[in-house]
Amino acid sequence: RGWSFVGPTTAYAFMQAMGLINDHLEGCVLRKEIEKKRSAFQRPV
């Protein structure tokens, strides 16, 4: 049961899903929207 191997592709996809990595291109409309939301996000303490 569970995962027997976590490779770089899986780790990168997980980081994308969690919002740690923004792969949208510089001219993409979504990139600006995501950057605004990321800067407004308050980490819980």
Protein backbone atom coordinates (compact mmCIF):
# COMPACT_ATOMS: atom_id res chain seq x y z
CA ARG A 1 0.00 0.00 0.00
CA GLY A 2 1.03 3.55 -0.49
CA TRP A 3 3.66 4.87 -2.80
CA SER A 4 6.87 2.94 -3.19
CA PHE A 5 8.63 5.68 -5.18
CA VAL A 6 8.19 9.43 -5.53
CA GLY A 7 10.22 10.80 -8.40
CA PRO A 8 10.92 14.32 -9.55
CA THR A 9 7.89 14.45 -11.85
CA THR A 10 5.53 13.50 -9.04
CA ALA A 11 7.17 15.97 -6.64
CA TYR A 12 7.00 18.79 -9.22
CA ALA A 13 3.33 18.06 -10.00
CA PHE A 14 2.56 18.11 -6.28
CA MET A 15 4.27 21.49 -5.89
CA GLN A 16 2.26 22.85 -8.83
CA ALA A 17 -0.98 21.58 -7.32
CA MET A 18 -0.16 23.18 -3.97
CA GLY A 19 0.57 26.54 -5.60
CA LEU A 20 4.28 26.55 -4.78
CA ILE A 21 5.19 26.79 -8.47
CA ASN A 22 3.54 29.07 -11.03
CA ASP A 23 4.34 27.83 -14.54
CA HIS A 24 2.12 30.29 -16.40
CA LEU A 25 4.02 32.31 -19.01
CA GLU A 26 4.82 35.99 -18.44
CA GLY A 27 2.12 37.24 -20.83
CA CYS A 28 -0.60 34.90 -19.54
CA VAL A 29 -3.64 36.55 -17.95
CA LEU A 30 -3.85 33.84 -15.30
CA ARG A 31 -0.28 34.47 -14.14
CA LYS A 32 -1.14 38.00 -12.97
CA GLU A 33 -4.29 36.77 -11.23
CA ILE A 34 -2.40 33.98 -9.47
CA GLU A 35 0.40 36.31 -8.39
CA LYS A 36 -2.17 38.68 -6.86
CA LYS A 37 -3.80 35.85 -4.93
CA ARG A 38 -0.44 34.50 -3.76
CA SER A 39 0.66 37.90 -2.48
CA ALA A 40 -2.66 38.38 -0.63
CA PHE A 41 -2.47 34.93 0.99
CA GLN A 42 -1.88 34.98 4.74
CA ARG A 43 -0.13 31.89 6.09
CA PRO A 44 -1.74 30.56 9.26
CA VAL A 45 0.38 30.84 12.37
